[in-house]
Amino acid sequence: MKRKLTITHPFWQVIGIGALAGLRSASAPAIASHILNEHHSKRLEGTPLNFMQSDATATTLKILAAGELIMDKMPFTPNRIKPAGLAFRCLSGALAGASISKATGGKAGAGALFGAAAALAATYAGFLLRKATVKATGIVDPIIGALEDALVLGAGAKFISIDE
């Protein structure tokens, strides 16, 4: 039996998980789906967002997120601020934000808006910070990318706090 979902600070957690989408686009829905799969919310049942609670969705999104960690280091990977990548990051933040917001009794539309806005801001902040760090330190980009991965993984574990 799945445990009851309790998120302690939904607004800030929607912002935080949305920001993760700006750093690693697949991370936000993967983390949201993992949490919702482990802690089902009756508020999502019968809505278009209910799929975020399924085992198949959680597993698929985790595989996509792991693949993104690898692909990010490849020299042919386009910059995150290219239009297609930027749009995907915003959609990713919106999906995660809407799911968490709706699951906690908030409005899906507001969660989507805040999640997308956080993703947009974090996309540009992450891009500029990563480029500046590479330039200032001389450390190769894939190493800085791996540090960014660690930040995303660590923050993802902390942005959503579940009370049992």
N, C-alpha and C. Protein backbone atom coordinates (compact mmCIF):
# COMPACT_ATOMS: atom_id res chain seq x y z
N MET A 1 0.84 -1.19 0.00
CA MET A 1 0.00 0.00 0.00
C MET A 1 0.88 1.25 0.00
N LYS A 2 0.52 2.23 -0.81
CA LYS A 2 1.28 3.47 -0.92
C LYS A 2 1.02 4.34 0.30
N ARG A 3 2.04 5.11 0.69
CA ARG A 3 1.92 5.99 1.84
C ARG A 3 1.26 7.31 1.45
N LYS A 4 0.71 7.98 2.42
CA LYS A 4 0.07 9.28 2.20
C LYS A 4 1.14 10.33 1.90
N LEU A 5 0.84 11.22 0.96
CA LEU A 5 1.77 12.27 0.58
C LEU A 5 1.61 13.47 1.50
N THR A 6 2.71 13.91 2.07
CA THR A 6 2.73 15.14 2.84
C THR A 6 3.97 15.91 2.41
N ILE A 7 3.76 17.03 1.79
CA ILE A 7 4.87 17.90 1.40
C ILE A 7 4.78 19.13 2.27
N THR A 8 5.87 19.48 2.92
CA THR A 8 5.84 20.50 3.96
C THR A 8 5.77 21.94 3.45
N HIS A 9 6.37 22.24 2.33
CA HIS A 9 6.39 23.61 1.80
C HIS A 9 6.14 23.57 0.29
N PRO A 10 4.91 23.31 -0.15
CA PRO A 10 4.68 23.06 -1.58
C PRO A 10 5.11 24.20 -2.50
N PHE A 11 4.90 25.45 -2.14
CA PHE A 11 5.28 26.53 -3.04
C PHE A 11 6.78 26.51 -3.31
N TRP A 12 7.57 26.44 -2.25
CA TRP A 12 9.02 26.47 -2.42
C TRP A 12 9.53 25.20 -3.07
N GLN A 13 8.85 24.12 -2.83
CA GLN A 13 9.27 22.87 -3.45
C GLN A 13 8.93 22.85 -4.94
N VAL A 14 7.83 23.47 -5.32
CA VAL A 14 7.52 23.62 -6.75
C VAL A 14 8.58 24.50 -7.42
N ILE A 15 8.95 25.59 -6.76
CA ILE A 15 10.00 26.46 -7.30
C ILE A 15 11.32 25.69 -7.40
N GLY A 16 11.67 24.98 -6.36
CA GLY A 16 12.92 24.23 -6.34
C GLY A 16 12.99 23.15 -7.39
N ILE A 17 11.94 22.37 -7.48
CA ILE A 17 11.94 21.28 -8.47
C ILE A 17 11.87 21.85 -9.88
N GLY A 18 11.18 22.98 -10.05
CA GLY A 18 11.17 23.65 -11.36
C GLY A 18 12.57 24.12 -11.73
N ALA A 19 13.29 24.63 -10.76
CA ALA A 19 14.67 25.08 -11.02
C ALA A 19 15.56 23.91 -11.44
N LEU A 20 15.31 22.75 -10.89
CA LEU A 20 16.10 21.58 -11.30
C LEU A 20 15.92 21.30 -12.78
N ALA A 21 14.72 21.56 -13.30
CA ALA A 21 14.47 21.35 -14.73
C ALA A 21 15.36 22.26 -15.57
N GLY A 22 15.71 23.42 -15.05
CA GLY A 22 16.59 24.32 -15.77
C GLY A 22 18.03 23.81 -15.83
N LEU A 23 18.41 23.00 -14.86
CA LEU A 23 19.76 22.44 -14.84
C LEU A 23 19.83 21.11 -15.58
N ARG A 24 18.86 20.25 -15.33
CA ARG A 24 18.75 18.95 -16.01
C ARG A 24 17.27 18.73 -16.28
N SER A 25 16.89 18.88 -17.53
CA SER A 25 15.47 18.91 -17.89
C SER A 25 14.68 17.69 -17.44
N ALA A 26 15.27 16.52 -17.50
CA ALA A 26 14.52 15.31 -17.13
C ALA A 26 14.47 15.08 -15.63
N SER A 27 15.28 15.79 -14.87
CA SER A 27 15.34 15.55 -13.44
C SER A 27 14.06 15.93 -12.72
N ALA A 28 13.46 17.04 -13.08
CA ALA A 28 12.29 17.52 -12.35
C ALA A 28 11.11 16.54 -12.44
N PRO A 29 10.70 16.13 -13.63
CA PRO A 29 9.59 15.17 -13.65
C PRO A 29 9.98 13.81 -13.07
N ALA A 30 11.24 13.41 -13.18
CA ALA A 30 11.67 12.14 -12.60
C ALA A 30 11.55 12.17 -11.09
N ILE A 31 11.98 13.25 -10.48
CA ILE A 31 11.91 13.38 -9.02
C ILE A 31 10.45 13.49 -8.58
N ALA A 32 9.67 14.31 -9.27
CA ALA A 32 8.25 14.45 -8.92
C ALA A 32 7.53 13.11 -9.05
N SER A 33 7.77 12.39 -10.13
CA SER A 33 7.10 11.12 -10.34
C SER A 33 7.53 10.09 -9.31
N HIS A 34 8.79 10.09 -8.96
CA HIS A 34 9.27 9.16 -7.93
C HIS A 34 8.53 9.41 -6.62
N ILE A 35 8.46 10.65 -6.20
CA ILE A 35 7.78 11.00 -4.96
C ILE A 35 6.30 10.62 -5.03
N LEU A 36 5.65 10.96 -6.14
CA LEU A 36 4.22 10.69 -6.27
C LEU A 36 3.93 9.19 -6.41
N ASN A 37 4.86 8.46 -6.98
CA ASN A 37 4.70 7.01 -7.07
C ASN A 37 4.80 6.36 -5.70
N GLU A 38 5.67 6.87 -4.87
CA GLU A 38 5.85 6.33 -3.52
C GLU A 38 4.77 6.82 -2.56
N HIS A 39 4.21 7.98 -2.83
CA HIS A 39 3.25 8.61 -1.93
C HIS A 39 2.05 9.10 -2.75
N HIS A 40 1.21 8.18 -3.14
CA HIS A 40 0.07 8.53 -4.00
C HIS A 40 -0.80 9.62 -3.37
N SER A 41 -1.33 10.48 -4.23
CA SER A 41 -2.24 11.53 -3.81
C SER A 41 -3.60 11.29 -4.46
N LYS A 42 -4.63 11.23 -3.65
CA LYS A 42 -5.99 11.08 -4.18
C LYS A 42 -6.38 12.29 -5.03
N ARG A 43 -5.73 13.41 -4.81
CA ARG A 43 -6.04 14.63 -5.56
C ARG A 43 -5.66 14.51 -7.04
N LEU A 44 -4.77 13.59 -7.36
CA LEU A 44 -4.37 13.40 -8.75
C LEU A 44 -5.23 12.35 -9.46
N GLU A 45 -5.90 11.52 -8.69
CA GLU A 45 -6.71 10.46 -9.29
C GLU A 45 -7.83 11.08 -10.12
N GLY A 46 -8.02 10.55 -11.31
CA GLY A 46 -9.06 11.05 -12.21
C GLY A 46 -8.68 12.33 -12.95
N THR A 47 -7.42 12.76 -12.81
CA THR A 47 -6.95 13.95 -13.52
C THR A 47 -5.94 13.53 -14.59
N PRO A 48 -5.66 14.40 -15.54
CA PRO A 48 -4.64 14.07 -16.54
C PRO A 48 -3.24 13.88 -15.95
N LEU A 49 -3.02 14.34 -14.72
CA LEU A 49 -1.71 14.22 -14.09
C LEU A 49 -1.54 12.91 -13.32
N ASN A 50 -2.57 12.09 -13.27
CA ASN A 50 -2.50 10.84 -12.51
C ASN A 50 -1.38 9.92 -12.99
N PHE A 51 -1.03 9.99 -14.28
CA PHE A 51 0.04 9.13 -14.81
C PHE A 51 1.36 9.34 -14.09
N MET A 52 1.56 10.51 -13.48
CA MET A 52 2.81 10.80 -12.78
C MET A 52 2.99 9.91 -11.55
N GLN A 53 1.93 9.24 -11.11
CA GLN A 53 1.99 8.38 -9.93
C GLN A 53 2.29 6.93 -10.27
N SER A 54 2.36 6.60 -11.55
CA SER A 54 2.50 5.18 -11.92
C SER A 54 3.94 4.70 -11.85
N ASP A 55 4.08 3.40 -11.61
CA ASP A 55 5.41 2.77 -11.59
C ASP A 55 6.12 2.94 -12.93
N ALA A 56 5.37 2.73 -14.02
CA ALA A 56 5.97 2.82 -15.36
C ALA A 56 6.48 4.22 -15.65
N THR A 57 5.73 5.23 -15.27
CA THR A 57 6.17 6.61 -15.50
C THR A 57 7.40 6.92 -14.67
N ALA A 58 7.37 6.55 -13.40
CA ALA A 58 8.52 6.83 -12.53
C ALA A 58 9.78 6.16 -13.05
N THR A 59 9.67 4.91 -13.47
CA THR A 59 10.83 4.19 -13.99
C THR A 59 11.33 4.79 -15.30
N THR A 60 10.42 5.08 -16.21
CA THR A 60 10.79 5.66 -17.50
C THR A 60 11.48 7.01 -17.32
N LEU A 61 10.93 7.85 -16.46
CA LEU A 61 11.52 9.17 -16.25
C LEU A 61 12.90 9.09 -15.58
N LYS A 62 13.08 8.12 -14.70
CA LYS A 62 14.41 7.94 -14.08
C LYS A 62 15.43 7.50 -15.12
N ILE A 63 15.04 6.64 -16.04
CA ILE A 63 15.95 6.20 -17.11
C ILE A 63 16.30 7.39 -18.01
N LEU A 64 15.31 8.19 -18.36
CA LEU A 64 15.57 9.39 -19.18
C LEU A 64 16.49 10.36 -18.46
N ALA A 65 16.28 10.54 -17.16
CA ALA A 65 17.13 11.45 -16.39
C ALA A 65 18.57 10.93 -16.33
N ALA A 66 18.75 9.63 -16.16
CA ALA A 66 20.10 9.05 -16.15
C ALA A 66 20.77 9.24 -17.50
N GLY A 67 20.02 9.03 -18.56
CA GLY A 67 20.57 9.24 -19.90
C GLY A 67 20.99 10.68 -20.13
N GLU A 68 20.21 11.60 -19.59
CA GLU A 68 20.55 13.02 -19.75
C GLU A 68 21.86 13.36 -19.03
N LEU A 69 22.11 12.74 -17.89
CA LEU A 69 23.37 12.98 -17.18
C LEU A 69 24.56 12.62 -18.06
N ILE A 70 24.41 11.58 -18.85
CA ILE A 70 25.49 11.16 -19.75
C ILE A 70 25.56 12.08 -20.97
N MET A 71 24.41 12.31 -21.58
CA MET A 71 24.38 13.11 -22.82
C MET A 71 24.86 14.54 -22.61
N ASP A 72 24.66 15.08 -21.42
CA ASP A 72 25.07 16.45 -21.14
C ASP A 72 26.57 16.66 -21.32
N LYS A 73 27.34 15.62 -21.15
CA LYS A 73 28.80 15.75 -21.24
C LYS A 73 29.34 15.61 -22.66
N MET A 74 28.50 15.23 -23.59
CA MET A 74 28.94 15.01 -24.96
C MET A 74 29.16 16.34 -25.69
N PRO A 75 30.21 16.40 -26.51
CA PRO A 75 30.51 17.66 -27.20
C PRO A 75 29.45 18.10 -28.20
N PHE A 76 28.64 17.18 -28.67
CA PHE A 76 27.61 17.52 -29.67
C PHE A 76 26.29 17.97 -29.03
N THR A 77 26.21 17.91 -27.70
CA THR A 77 24.98 18.31 -27.02
C THR A 77 24.81 19.83 -27.13
N PRO A 78 23.66 20.28 -27.65
CA PRO A 78 23.47 21.73 -27.81
C PRO A 78 23.34 22.44 -26.46
N ASN A 79 23.61 23.74 -26.48
CA ASN A 79 23.46 24.55 -25.27
C ASN A 79 22.02 24.53 -24.80
N ARG A 80 21.85 24.59 -23.51
CA ARG A 80 20.51 24.52 -22.93
C ARG A 80 19.64 25.72 -23.26
N ILE A 81 20.25 26.80 -23.76
CA ILE A 81 19.45 27.99 -24.06
C ILE A 81 18.97 28.03 -25.51
N LYS A 82 19.26 26.99 -26.28
CA LYS A 82 18.70 26.89 -27.63
C LYS A 82 17.18 26.75 -27.49
N PRO A 83 16.41 27.27 -28.44
CA PRO A 83 14.94 27.30 -28.28
C PRO A 83 14.29 25.96 -27.93
N ALA A 84 14.66 24.88 -28.61
CA ALA A 84 14.02 23.59 -28.33
C ALA A 84 14.34 23.11 -26.92
N GLY A 85 15.58 23.22 -26.52
CA GLY A 85 15.98 22.81 -25.17
C GLY A 85 15.35 23.67 -24.10
N LEU A 86 15.29 24.96 -24.36
CA LEU A 86 14.67 25.88 -23.41
C LEU A 86 13.18 25.57 -23.25
N ALA A 87 12.51 25.32 -24.35
CA ALA A 87 11.08 24.98 -24.30
C ALA A 87 10.87 23.69 -23.52
N PHE A 88 11.71 22.68 -23.78
CA PHE A 88 11.56 21.41 -23.07
C PHE A 88 11.78 21.59 -21.58
N ARG A 89 12.76 22.40 -21.20
CA ARG A 89 13.03 22.64 -19.78
C ARG A 89 11.83 23.32 -19.10
N CYS A 90 11.24 24.27 -19.81
CA CYS A 90 10.06 24.95 -19.25
C CYS A 90 8.88 23.99 -19.13
N LEU A 91 8.68 23.15 -20.13
CA LEU A 91 7.60 22.16 -20.06
C LEU A 91 7.85 21.14 -18.95
N SER A 92 9.09 20.76 -18.79
CA SER A 92 9.47 19.82 -17.74
C SER A 92 9.18 20.42 -16.36
N GLY A 93 9.59 21.66 -16.16
CA GLY A 93 9.32 22.34 -14.89
C GLY A 93 7.83 22.52 -14.66
N ALA A 94 7.10 22.80 -15.74
CA ALA A 94 5.65 22.96 -15.64
C ALA A 94 4.98 21.65 -15.23
N LEU A 95 5.37 20.56 -15.85
CA LEU A 95 4.78 19.26 -15.52
C LEU A 95 5.05 18.89 -14.06
N ALA A 96 6.28 19.01 -13.65
CA ALA A 96 6.63 18.68 -12.26
C ALA A 96 5.91 19.61 -11.29
N GLY A 97 5.91 20.89 -11.59
CA GLY A 97 5.26 21.86 -10.72
C GLY A 97 3.77 21.64 -10.61
N ALA A 98 3.12 21.38 -11.75
CA ALA A 98 1.67 21.13 -11.75
C ALA A 98 1.35 19.88 -10.94
N SER A 99 2.15 18.84 -11.10
CA SER A 99 1.90 17.57 -10.41
C SER A 99 2.02 17.73 -8.90
N ILE A 100 3.10 18.35 -8.46
CA ILE A 100 3.31 18.54 -7.03
C ILE A 100 2.25 19.47 -6.45
N SER A 101 1.96 20.56 -7.15
CA SER A 101 0.97 21.51 -6.67
C SER A 101 -0.40 20.86 -6.54
N LYS A 102 -0.84 20.17 -7.56
CA LYS A 102 -2.16 19.52 -7.55
C LYS A 102 -2.21 18.43 -6.47
N ALA A 103 -1.14 17.67 -6.34
CA ALA A 103 -1.10 16.59 -5.36
C ALA A 103 -1.21 17.10 -3.93
N THR A 104 -0.80 18.33 -3.70
CA THR A 104 -0.82 18.89 -2.35
C THR A 104 -2.02 19.81 -2.12
N GLY A 105 -2.96 19.80 -3.04
CA GLY A 105 -4.18 20.58 -2.84
C GLY A 105 -4.17 21.95 -3.48
N GLY A 106 -3.10 22.27 -4.18
CA GLY A 106 -3.02 23.56 -4.88
C GLY A 106 -3.58 23.46 -6.28
N LYS A 107 -3.42 24.51 -7.02
CA LYS A 107 -3.91 24.56 -8.40
C LYS A 107 -2.80 24.10 -9.34
N ALA A 108 -3.15 23.19 -10.25
CA ALA A 108 -2.18 22.68 -11.21
C ALA A 108 -1.64 23.81 -12.09
N GLY A 109 -2.50 24.73 -12.51
CA GLY A 109 -2.06 25.83 -13.37
C GLY A 109 -1.03 26.72 -12.70
N ALA A 110 -1.24 27.02 -11.45
CA ALA A 110 -0.28 27.85 -10.71
C ALA A 110 1.04 27.10 -10.56
N GLY A 111 0.96 25.81 -10.23
CA GLY A 111 2.18 25.01 -10.10
C GLY A 111 2.94 24.95 -11.41
N ALA A 112 2.20 24.81 -12.52
CA ALA A 112 2.84 24.77 -13.83
C ALA A 112 3.53 26.10 -14.14
N LEU A 113 2.86 27.18 -13.86
CA LEU A 113 3.43 28.51 -14.12
C LEU A 113 4.70 28.74 -13.30
N PHE A 114 4.64 28.45 -12.01
CA PHE A 114 5.82 28.66 -11.15
C PHE A 114 6.94 27.68 -11.50
N GLY A 115 6.58 26.44 -11.82
CA GLY A 115 7.60 25.47 -12.21
C GLY A 115 8.31 25.87 -13.49
N ALA A 116 7.53 26.35 -14.47
CA ALA A 116 8.12 26.77 -15.75
C ALA A 116 8.98 28.03 -15.57
N ALA A 117 8.50 28.97 -14.77
CA ALA A 117 9.27 30.20 -14.54
C ALA A 117 10.59 29.89 -13.84
N ALA A 118 10.54 29.00 -12.86
CA ALA A 118 11.78 28.61 -12.17
C ALA A 118 12.74 27.91 -13.12
N ALA A 119 12.20 27.06 -13.99
CA ALA A 119 13.03 26.37 -14.97
C ALA A 119 13.69 27.37 -15.91
N LEU A 120 12.94 28.34 -16.36
CA LEU A 120 13.47 29.35 -17.27
C LEU A 120 14.61 30.12 -16.61
N ALA A 121 14.38 30.58 -15.40
CA ALA A 121 15.42 31.34 -14.68
C ALA A 121 16.65 30.48 -14.43
N ALA A 122 16.45 29.24 -14.00
CA ALA A 122 17.58 28.36 -13.70
C ALA A 122 18.33 27.93 -14.96
N THR A 123 17.62 27.87 -16.09
CA THR A 123 18.29 27.52 -17.35
C THR A 123 19.36 28.56 -17.67
N TYR A 124 18.98 29.82 -17.64
CA TYR A 124 19.94 30.89 -17.94
C TYR A 124 21.00 31.03 -16.86
N ALA A 125 20.59 30.95 -15.60
CA ALA A 125 21.55 31.06 -14.51
C ALA A 125 22.57 29.93 -14.57
N GLY A 126 22.10 28.71 -14.78
CA GLY A 126 23.00 27.56 -14.86
C GLY A 126 23.94 27.64 -16.05
N PHE A 127 23.40 28.08 -17.20
CA PHE A 127 24.22 28.21 -18.39
C PHE A 127 25.34 29.23 -18.18
N LEU A 128 24.97 30.40 -17.67
CA LEU A 128 25.97 31.46 -17.48
C LEU A 128 26.98 31.10 -16.39
N LEU A 129 26.51 30.49 -15.32
CA LEU A 129 27.42 30.10 -14.24
C LEU A 129 28.38 29.00 -14.70
N ARG A 130 27.89 28.05 -15.45
CA ARG A 130 28.76 26.97 -15.92
C ARG A 130 29.83 27.52 -16.86
N LYS A 131 29.44 28.37 -17.80
CA LYS A 131 30.41 28.95 -18.73
C LYS A 131 31.45 29.80 -17.98
N ALA A 132 30.99 30.61 -17.02
CA ALA A 132 31.91 31.46 -16.26
C ALA A 132 32.86 30.62 -15.41
N THR A 133 32.36 29.54 -14.85
CA THR A 133 33.21 28.67 -14.01
C THR A 133 34.29 28.00 -14.85
N VAL A 134 33.92 27.51 -16.02
CA VAL A 134 34.90 26.90 -16.91
C VAL A 134 35.97 27.92 -17.28
N LYS A 135 35.55 29.13 -17.63
CA LYS A 135 36.49 30.17 -18.04
C LYS A 135 37.40 30.60 -16.89
N ALA A 136 36.82 30.76 -15.70
CA ALA A 136 37.59 31.26 -14.56
C ALA A 136 38.54 30.21 -13.98
N THR A 137 38.15 28.94 -14.04
CA THR A 137 38.96 27.91 -13.40
C THR A 137 39.84 27.13 -14.37
N GLY A 138 39.44 27.11 -15.63
CA GLY A 138 40.16 26.29 -16.60
C GLY A 138 39.83 24.81 -16.51
N ILE A 139 38.91 24.47 -15.63
CA ILE A 139 38.47 23.07 -15.52
C ILE A 139 37.60 22.76 -16.73
N VAL A 140 37.80 21.59 -17.32
CA VAL A 140 37.07 21.25 -18.53
C VAL A 140 35.56 21.15 -18.24
N ASP A 141 34.78 21.50 -19.24
CA ASP A 141 33.33 21.58 -19.10
C ASP A 141 32.69 20.30 -18.57
N PRO A 142 33.07 19.10 -19.03
CA PRO A 142 32.42 17.90 -18.50
C PRO A 142 32.59 17.72 -16.98
N ILE A 143 33.71 18.18 -16.44
CA ILE A 143 33.91 18.09 -14.98
C ILE A 143 32.95 19.04 -14.27
N ILE A 144 32.81 20.24 -14.79
CA ILE A 144 31.85 21.19 -14.21
C ILE A 144 30.44 20.64 -14.36
N GLY A 145 30.16 20.00 -15.49
CA GLY A 145 28.86 19.36 -15.69
C GLY A 145 28.59 18.27 -14.66
N ALA A 146 29.62 17.50 -14.33
CA ALA A 146 29.46 16.45 -13.32
C ALA A 146 29.18 17.05 -11.94
N LEU A 147 29.81 18.18 -11.65
CA LEU A 147 29.52 18.87 -10.39
C LEU A 147 28.08 19.38 -10.38
N GLU A 148 27.63 19.86 -11.53
CA GLU A 148 26.24 20.30 -11.66
C GLU A 148 25.29 19.11 -11.46
N ASP A 149 25.66 17.94 -11.98
CA ASP A 149 24.87 16.73 -11.77
C ASP A 149 24.73 16.45 -10.27
N ALA A 150 25.84 16.53 -9.55
CA ALA A 150 25.82 16.27 -8.11
C ALA A 150 24.90 17.26 -7.40
N LEU A 151 24.95 18.51 -7.83
CA LEU A 151 24.07 19.52 -7.25
C LEU A 151 22.61 19.17 -7.49
N VAL A 152 22.29 18.77 -8.71
CA VAL A 152 20.90 18.41 -9.05
C VAL A 152 20.45 17.20 -8.23
N LEU A 153 21.27 16.18 -8.14
CA LEU A 153 20.90 14.98 -7.39
C LEU A 153 20.72 15.28 -5.90
N GLY A 154 21.63 16.04 -5.35
CA GLY A 154 21.53 16.39 -3.93
C GLY A 154 20.34 17.29 -3.64
N ALA A 155 20.16 18.29 -4.47
CA ALA A 155 19.03 19.21 -4.27
C ALA A 155 17.71 18.49 -4.48
N GLY A 156 17.67 17.61 -5.47
CA GLY A 156 16.44 16.86 -5.73
C GLY A 156 16.00 16.05 -4.53
N ALA A 157 16.95 15.51 -3.81
CA ALA A 157 16.63 14.73 -2.62
C ALA A 157 16.12 15.61 -1.48
N LYS A 158 16.50 16.88 -1.48
CA LYS A 158 16.14 17.78 -0.39
C LYS A 158 14.93 18.68 -0.67
N PHE A 159 14.68 19.02 -1.93
CA PHE A 159 13.59 19.95 -2.23
C PHE A 159 12.22 19.43 -1.83
N ILE A 160 12.05 18.13 -1.93
CA ILE A 160 10.78 17.52 -1.54
C ILE A 160 11.01 16.80 -0.23
N SER A 161 10.39 17.26 0.84
CA SER A 161 10.53 16.56 2.12
C SER A 161 9.20 15.88 2.41
N ILE A 162 9.29 14.62 2.72
CA ILE A 162 8.11 13.80 2.98
C ILE A 162 8.07 13.50 4.47
N ASP A 163 6.94 13.78 5.07
CA ASP A 163 6.71 13.39 6.47
C ASP A 163 5.93 12.09 6.47
N GLU A 164 6.46 11.10 7.10
CA GLU A 164 5.80 9.79 7.16
C GLU A 164 4.74 9.83 8.25
